């Protein structure tokens, strides 16, 4: 049990470090360099599987549930934000999912190697 707590503490520490590094200034510098930005509301999908292998069918259904949790989490966080950088570690801690599944699903949505940047064009610039 303590090993799991140490892992969660480590992920939280990584999240805090990432958030301090990914401040407002670095986001704008990244945008100037052509960093990919996903528009709010985002959609996250699992890669479909149409075969008969029950193990792969079960894995697909787990990924569908994980994709919904990730989508709901990011969209709820972005309701009142103009721009935010989410790290895979941050999303994993917040949703209780593994960082690997978060990365697998969000990398296909134009995520980078460590996270995803989401912009909310519905908010006015002065909010």
Protein backbone atom coordinates (compact mmCIF):
# COMPACT_ATOMS: atom_id res chain seq x y z
CA UNK A 1 0.00 0.00 0.00
CA UNK A 2 2.84 2.38 0.84
CA UNK A 3 4.38 1.76 -2.59
CA UNK A 4 1.18 2.96 -4.26
CA UNK A 5 1.17 6.09 -2.07
CA UNK A 6 4.80 6.77 -3.00
CA UNK A 7 3.85 6.45 -6.67
CA UNK A 8 0.95 8.87 -6.27
CA UNK A 9 3.20 11.31 -4.38
CA UNK A 10 5.78 11.05 -7.16
CA UNK A 11 3.16 11.73 -9.84
CA UNK A 12 1.82 14.69 -7.85
CA UNK A 13 5.36 16.07 -7.55
CA UNK A 14 5.81 15.65 -11.32
CA UNK A 15 2.51 17.45 -11.85
CA UNK A 16 3.54 20.40 -9.68
CA UNK A 17 6.90 20.61 -11.45
CA UNK A 18 5.22 20.50 -14.85
CA UNK A 19 2.72 23.17 -13.90
CA UNK A 20 5.47 25.46 -12.63
CA UNK A 21 7.42 24.94 -15.87
CA UNK A 22 4.33 25.32 -18.09
CA UNK A 23 3.42 28.77 -16.90
CA UNK A 24 1.64 31.43 -18.93
CA UNK A 25 4.86 32.69 -20.55
CA UNK A 26 6.03 29.28 -21.77
CA UNK A 27 2.59 28.54 -23.23
CA UNK A 28 2.67 31.72 -25.30
CA UNK A 29 6.25 31.00 -26.42
CA UNK A 30 5.11 27.51 -27.47
CA UNK A 31 2.18 28.94 -29.40
CA UNK A 32 4.51 31.29 -31.25
CA UNK A 33 6.60 28.29 -32.28
CA UNK A 34 3.59 26.52 -33.79
CA UNK A 35 2.76 24.20 -30.92
CA UNK A 36 -0.38 22.12 -31.59
CA UNK A 37 -3.43 23.34 -29.69
CA UNK A 38 -6.68 21.40 -29.40
CA UNK A 39 -9.90 23.43 -29.30
CA UNK A 40 -12.42 23.06 -26.49
CA UNK A 41 -14.61 21.02 -26.23
CA UNK A 42 -12.36 18.09 -27.01
CA UNK A 43 -13.35 14.60 -28.15
CA UNK A 44 -11.37 11.54 -27.14
CA UNK A 45 -11.94 8.23 -28.90
CA UNK A 46 -10.60 4.73 -28.53
CA UNK A 47 -9.38 2.91 -31.63
CA UNK A 48 -12.26 0.63 -32.70
CA UNK A 49 -11.92 -3.14 -32.67
CA UNK A 50 -14.28 -5.31 -34.73
CA UNK A 51 -12.78 -8.75 -34.23
CA UNK A 52 -13.94 -11.71 -32.14
CA UNK A 53 -11.06 -11.90 -29.64
CA UNK A 54 -12.78 -11.42 -26.26
CA UNK A 55 -9.62 -10.08 -24.58
CA UNK A 56 -9.28 -7.32 -27.20
CA UNK A 57 -13.02 -6.57 -27.02
CA UNK A 58 -12.72 -6.10 -23.24
CA UNK A 59 -9.64 -3.90 -23.72
CA UNK A 60 -11.54 -1.77 -26.24
CA UNK A 61 -14.42 -1.28 -23.79
CA UNK A 62 -11.96 -0.26 -21.03
CA UNK A 63 -10.42 2.27 -23.39
CA UNK A 64 -13.87 3.66 -24.29
CA UNK A 65 -14.64 4.19 -20.58
CA UNK A 66 -11.21 5.77 -20.04
CA UNK A 67 -11.67 8.07 -23.04
CA UNK A 68 -14.99 9.28 -21.64
CA UNK A 69 -13.43 9.99 -18.21
CA UNK A 70 -10.56 11.91 -19.82
CA UNK A 71 -12.88 13.90 -22.09
CA UNK A 72 -15.24 14.79 -19.25
CA UNK A 73 -12.33 15.81 -17.00
CA UNK A 74 -10.62 18.07 -19.54
CA UNK A 75 -13.86 19.66 -20.74
CA UNK A 76 -14.97 20.43 -17.17
CA UNK A 77 -11.56 21.97 -16.39
CA UNK A 78 -11.69 24.11 -19.53
CA UNK A 79 -15.15 25.63 -19.01
CA UNK A 80 -13.71 28.80 -17.45
CA UNK A 81 -10.16 28.78 -18.84
CA UNK A 82 -8.89 30.33 -22.04
CA UNK A 83 -5.79 28.16 -22.44
CA UNK A 84 -4.28 25.36 -20.37
CA UNK A 85 -1.50 22.79 -20.69
CA UNK A 86 -2.48 19.40 -19.27
CA UNK A 87 0.28 16.88 -18.61
CA UNK A 88 -0.48 13.20 -18.92
CA UNK A 89 0.70 12.74 -15.32
CA UNK A 90 -1.72 15.42 -14.11
CA UNK A 91 -4.66 13.86 -15.94
CA UNK A 92 -3.70 10.38 -14.66
CA UNK A 93 -3.73 11.58 -11.05
CA UNK A 94 -6.98 13.51 -11.47
CA UNK A 95 -8.85 10.66 -13.19
CA UNK A 96 -7.25 7.65 -11.47
CA UNK A 97 -6.15 6.18 -14.79
CA UNK A 98 -2.67 5.03 -15.76
CA UNK A 99 -0.42 7.55 -17.47
CA UNK A 100 0.12 5.09 -20.34
CA UNK A 101 -3.58 4.88 -21.23
CA UNK A 102 -3.96 8.67 -20.91
CA UNK A 103 -1.00 9.20 -23.25
CA UNK A 104 -2.25 6.56 -25.71
CA UNK A 105 -5.68 8.15 -26.00
CA UNK A 106 -4.61 11.82 -26.01
CA UNK A 107 -1.64 11.42 -28.33
CA UNK A 108 -4.18 10.63 -31.06
CA UNK A 109 -5.99 13.92 -30.29
CA UNK A 110 -2.89 15.96 -31.17
CA UNK A 111 -1.23 15.61 -27.81
CA UNK A 112 2.53 15.93 -27.48
CA UNK A 113 5.01 13.63 -25.79
CA UNK A 114 4.25 14.88 -22.25
CA UNK A 115 0.81 16.47 -22.48
CA UNK A 116 -1.82 18.36 -24.43
CA UNK A 117 -2.61 22.06 -24.81
CA UNK A 118 -6.28 23.01 -24.95
CA UNK A 119 -7.70 26.41 -25.92
CA UNK A 120 -11.22 27.65 -25.27
CA UNK A 121 -12.11 30.06 -28.10
CA UNK A 122 -15.55 30.67 -26.54
CA UNK A 123 -14.08 32.81 -23.76
CA UNK A 124 -13.31 36.48 -24.42
CA UNK A 125 -9.60 37.38 -24.36
CA UNK A 126 -9.94 39.57 -21.25
CA UNK A 127 -11.43 36.85 -18.98
